[in-house]
Amino acid sequence: MTDVTEASRRAWDAAVRLVELLGVEVRVSEVAEGVHLLLELPPGGEEADHMAVLTVLNGADRYGHRRRAGREHLWADFWRPS
């Protein structure tokens, strides 16, 4: 990412923290509105500090969880100012 915006800074900070907390790869993508994070939750994630993960996600402009085909994902969006 060559253009360092507030949205990208917040997204990268969140991605680094989620890697530290969960030990998984976090995909970071530029989208029209800003930056999108996506990660697959590890199986048996009971060891994760759920409150810390929610605190990280709360820094996003929008976030959520989805379950498909037995896999669970977290996603978060960080919007650029309009």
N, C-alpha and C. Protein backbone atom coordinates (compact mmCIF):
# COMPACT_ATOMS: atom_id res chain seq x y z
N MET A 1 0.84 -1.17 0.00
CA MET A 1 0.00 0.00 0.00
C MET A 1 0.89 1.24 0.00
N THR A 2 0.84 1.99 -1.06
CA THR A 2 1.71 3.15 -1.13
C THR A 2 1.07 4.37 -0.50
N ASP A 3 -0.25 4.48 -0.56
CA ASP A 3 -0.95 5.62 0.01
C ASP A 3 -1.31 5.29 1.46
N VAL A 4 -0.59 5.88 2.40
CA VAL A 4 -0.84 5.59 3.81
C VAL A 4 -1.93 6.53 4.31
N THR A 5 -3.13 6.00 4.41
CA THR A 5 -4.26 6.77 4.91
C THR A 5 -4.56 6.33 6.33
N GLU A 6 -5.40 7.07 6.99
CA GLU A 6 -5.84 6.70 8.33
C GLU A 6 -6.50 5.32 8.31
N ALA A 7 -7.31 5.05 7.29
CA ALA A 7 -7.97 3.74 7.18
C ALA A 7 -6.95 2.63 7.05
N SER A 8 -5.94 2.81 6.20
CA SER A 8 -4.96 1.74 6.03
C SER A 8 -4.10 1.57 7.27
N ARG A 9 -3.77 2.65 7.95
CA ARG A 9 -2.99 2.55 9.19
C ARG A 9 -3.78 1.77 10.24
N ARG A 10 -5.06 2.11 10.41
CA ARG A 10 -5.89 1.40 11.39
C ARG A 10 -6.04 -0.08 11.01
N ALA A 11 -6.22 -0.34 9.71
CA ALA A 11 -6.38 -1.72 9.25
C ALA A 11 -5.12 -2.54 9.50
N TRP A 12 -3.96 -1.99 9.16
CA TRP A 12 -2.71 -2.73 9.37
C TRP A 12 -2.44 -2.94 10.85
N ASP A 13 -2.73 -1.95 11.69
CA ASP A 13 -2.57 -2.13 13.13
C ASP A 13 -3.47 -3.27 13.63
N ALA A 14 -4.71 -3.31 13.15
CA ALA A 14 -5.64 -4.36 13.55
C ALA A 14 -5.16 -5.72 13.04
N ALA A 15 -4.69 -5.77 11.81
CA ALA A 15 -4.21 -7.04 11.24
C ALA A 15 -3.05 -7.60 12.05
N VAL A 16 -2.12 -6.75 12.40
CA VAL A 16 -0.97 -7.20 13.20
C VAL A 16 -1.44 -7.73 14.55
N ARG A 17 -2.34 -7.03 15.18
CA ARG A 17 -2.83 -7.46 16.49
C ARG A 17 -3.59 -8.79 16.40
N LEU A 18 -4.40 -8.96 15.33
CA LEU A 18 -5.13 -10.21 15.16
C LEU A 18 -4.18 -11.39 14.92
N VAL A 19 -3.11 -11.16 14.18
CA VAL A 19 -2.10 -12.21 13.99
C VAL A 19 -1.50 -12.58 15.34
N GLU A 20 -1.18 -11.58 16.15
CA GLU A 20 -0.60 -11.84 17.48
C GLU A 20 -1.57 -12.65 18.35
N LEU A 21 -2.84 -12.29 18.31
CA LEU A 21 -3.83 -12.93 19.17
C LEU A 21 -4.22 -14.33 18.70
N LEU A 22 -4.33 -14.51 17.38
CA LEU A 22 -4.90 -15.75 16.85
C LEU A 22 -3.90 -16.65 16.14
N GLY A 23 -2.76 -16.08 15.75
CA GLY A 23 -1.75 -16.87 15.07
C GLY A 23 -2.18 -17.34 13.69
N VAL A 24 -2.99 -16.54 13.01
CA VAL A 24 -3.47 -16.91 11.67
C VAL A 24 -3.10 -15.81 10.67
N GLU A 25 -3.17 -16.16 9.40
CA GLU A 25 -2.95 -15.18 8.34
C GLU A 25 -4.18 -14.28 8.23
N VAL A 26 -3.92 -12.99 8.09
CA VAL A 26 -4.99 -12.02 7.88
C VAL A 26 -4.81 -11.44 6.49
N ARG A 27 -5.84 -11.58 5.66
CA ARG A 27 -5.79 -11.02 4.31
C ARG A 27 -6.24 -9.57 4.34
N VAL A 28 -5.42 -8.70 3.76
CA VAL A 28 -5.69 -7.26 3.73
C VAL A 28 -5.90 -6.87 2.27
N SER A 29 -7.05 -6.26 1.96
CA SER A 29 -7.33 -5.85 0.58
C SER A 29 -7.82 -4.41 0.53
N GLU A 30 -7.35 -3.73 -0.49
CA GLU A 30 -7.85 -2.39 -0.79
C GLU A 30 -9.18 -2.55 -1.50
N VAL A 31 -10.19 -1.85 -1.04
CA VAL A 31 -11.50 -1.83 -1.70
C VAL A 31 -11.88 -0.37 -1.91
N ALA A 32 -12.92 -0.14 -2.68
CA ALA A 32 -13.30 1.23 -3.02
C ALA A 32 -13.52 2.10 -1.78
N GLU A 33 -14.10 1.52 -0.74
CA GLU A 33 -14.44 2.29 0.46
C GLU A 33 -13.26 2.46 1.42
N GLY A 34 -12.24 1.62 1.28
CA GLY A 34 -11.12 1.68 2.22
C GLY A 34 -10.33 0.40 2.21
N VAL A 35 -10.26 -0.28 3.37
CA VAL A 35 -9.45 -1.49 3.51
C VAL A 35 -10.31 -2.56 4.17
N HIS A 36 -10.21 -3.79 3.64
CA HIS A 36 -10.99 -4.93 4.13
C HIS A 36 -10.03 -5.99 4.68
N LEU A 37 -10.33 -6.49 5.88
CA LEU A 37 -9.56 -7.59 6.48
C LEU A 37 -10.43 -8.84 6.49
N LEU A 38 -9.80 -9.98 6.26
CA LEU A 38 -10.51 -11.26 6.31
C LEU A 38 -9.56 -12.30 6.89
N LEU A 39 -10.07 -13.10 7.81
CA LEU A 39 -9.27 -14.18 8.37
C LEU A 39 -10.15 -15.37 8.67
N GLU A 40 -9.56 -16.55 8.56
CA GLU A 40 -10.25 -17.77 8.94
C GLU A 40 -9.87 -18.11 10.37
N LEU A 41 -10.89 -18.32 11.19
CA LEU A 41 -10.62 -18.67 12.59
C LEU A 41 -10.03 -20.06 12.66
N PRO A 42 -9.04 -20.24 13.52
CA PRO A 42 -8.43 -21.57 13.65
C PRO A 42 -9.39 -22.51 14.35
N PRO A 43 -9.34 -23.80 13.99
CA PRO A 43 -10.17 -24.77 14.73
C PRO A 43 -9.72 -24.81 16.19
N GLY A 44 -10.68 -25.02 17.07
CA GLY A 44 -10.34 -25.10 18.49
C GLY A 44 -9.82 -23.79 19.03
N GLY A 45 -10.41 -22.69 18.60
CA GLY A 45 -9.95 -21.37 19.00
C GLY A 45 -10.35 -20.96 20.40
N GLU A 46 -10.66 -21.93 21.24
CA GLU A 46 -11.07 -21.62 22.60
C GLU A 46 -9.96 -20.93 23.39
N GLU A 47 -8.70 -21.12 22.97
CA GLU A 47 -7.58 -20.53 23.69
C GLU A 47 -7.49 -19.02 23.45
N ALA A 48 -8.12 -18.54 22.39
CA ALA A 48 -8.02 -17.12 22.03
C ALA A 48 -8.71 -16.26 23.08
N ASP A 49 -8.17 -15.09 23.29
CA ASP A 49 -8.77 -14.10 24.18
C ASP A 49 -9.86 -13.38 23.40
N HIS A 50 -11.09 -13.85 23.55
CA HIS A 50 -12.20 -13.31 22.76
C HIS A 50 -12.43 -11.83 23.00
N MET A 51 -12.28 -11.38 24.21
CA MET A 51 -12.48 -9.96 24.49
C MET A 51 -11.42 -9.11 23.79
N ALA A 52 -10.19 -9.59 23.74
CA ALA A 52 -9.14 -8.85 23.04
C ALA A 52 -9.42 -8.80 21.54
N VAL A 53 -9.91 -9.91 20.98
CA VAL A 53 -10.26 -9.93 19.55
C VAL A 53 -11.39 -8.95 19.29
N LEU A 54 -12.41 -8.96 20.13
CA LEU A 54 -13.53 -8.02 19.95
C LEU A 54 -13.08 -6.57 20.11
N THR A 55 -12.14 -6.32 20.99
CA THR A 55 -11.61 -4.97 21.15
C THR A 55 -10.94 -4.51 19.86
N VAL A 56 -10.18 -5.40 19.24
CA VAL A 56 -9.53 -5.06 17.96
C VAL A 56 -10.59 -4.78 16.90
N LEU A 57 -11.57 -5.67 16.79
CA LEU A 57 -12.62 -5.50 15.78
C LEU A 57 -13.44 -4.24 16.02
N ASN A 58 -13.60 -3.86 17.26
CA ASN A 58 -14.38 -2.66 17.59
C ASN A 58 -13.73 -1.39 17.02
N GLY A 59 -12.45 -1.44 16.69
CA GLY A 59 -11.78 -0.31 16.08
C GLY A 59 -12.10 -0.14 14.60
N ALA A 60 -12.79 -1.14 14.02
CA ALA A 60 -13.17 -1.07 12.61
C ALA A 60 -14.46 -0.27 12.46
N ASP A 61 -14.72 0.17 11.25
CA ASP A 61 -15.97 0.87 10.99
C ASP A 61 -17.14 -0.10 10.86
N ARG A 62 -16.83 -1.33 10.49
CA ARG A 62 -17.84 -2.37 10.37
C ARG A 62 -17.11 -3.70 10.47
N TYR A 63 -17.71 -4.69 11.15
CA TYR A 63 -17.08 -6.00 11.24
C TYR A 63 -18.14 -7.07 11.40
N GLY A 64 -17.73 -8.31 11.17
CA GLY A 64 -18.70 -9.38 11.31
C GLY A 64 -18.05 -10.75 11.30
N HIS A 65 -18.91 -11.75 11.33
CA HIS A 65 -18.52 -13.15 11.42
C HIS A 65 -19.39 -13.92 10.44
N ARG A 66 -18.82 -14.92 9.79
CA ARG A 66 -19.63 -15.78 8.93
C ARG A 66 -19.14 -17.21 9.06
N ARG A 67 -20.08 -18.13 8.87
CA ARG A 67 -19.77 -19.55 8.92
C ARG A 67 -20.29 -20.17 7.63
N ARG A 68 -19.39 -20.81 6.89
CA ARG A 68 -19.76 -21.47 5.65
C ARG A 68 -18.97 -22.77 5.53
N ALA A 69 -19.67 -23.83 5.17
CA ALA A 69 -19.03 -25.12 4.92
C ALA A 69 -18.11 -25.54 6.06
N GLY A 70 -18.54 -25.29 7.30
CA GLY A 70 -17.75 -25.70 8.45
C GLY A 70 -16.58 -24.81 8.78
N ARG A 71 -16.41 -23.73 8.04
CA ARG A 71 -15.31 -22.78 8.31
C ARG A 71 -15.89 -21.49 8.87
N GLU A 72 -15.15 -20.89 9.78
CA GLU A 72 -15.58 -19.63 10.37
C GLU A 72 -14.60 -18.53 10.00
N HIS A 73 -15.14 -17.39 9.62
CA HIS A 73 -14.32 -16.24 9.23
C HIS A 73 -14.74 -15.00 10.00
N LEU A 74 -13.77 -14.15 10.26
CA LEU A 74 -14.02 -12.80 10.76
C LEU A 74 -13.62 -11.84 9.65
N TRP A 75 -14.35 -10.74 9.55
CA TRP A 75 -13.99 -9.70 8.58
C TRP A 75 -14.17 -8.34 9.24
N ALA A 76 -13.45 -7.37 8.70
CA ALA A 76 -13.55 -6.00 9.21
C ALA A 76 -13.27 -5.03 8.08
N ASP A 77 -14.00 -3.92 8.08
CA ASP A 77 -13.81 -2.86 7.09
C ASP A 77 -13.38 -1.58 7.78
N PHE A 78 -12.42 -0.93 7.19
CA PHE A 78 -11.90 0.37 7.66
C PHE A 78 -12.09 1.35 6.53
N TRP A 79 -13.00 2.31 6.71
CA TRP A 79 -13.37 3.22 5.62
C TRP A 79 -12.50 4.45 5.55
N ARG A 80 -12.26 4.88 4.31
CA ARG A 80 -11.61 6.16 4.08
C ARG A 80 -12.62 7.28 4.26
N PRO A 81 -12.18 8.43 4.72
CA PRO A 81 -13.12 9.56 4.80
C PRO A 81 -13.62 9.92 3.40
N SER A 82 -14.88 10.32 3.31
CA SER A 82 -15.40 10.69 1.98
C SER A 82 -15.08 12.09 1.60
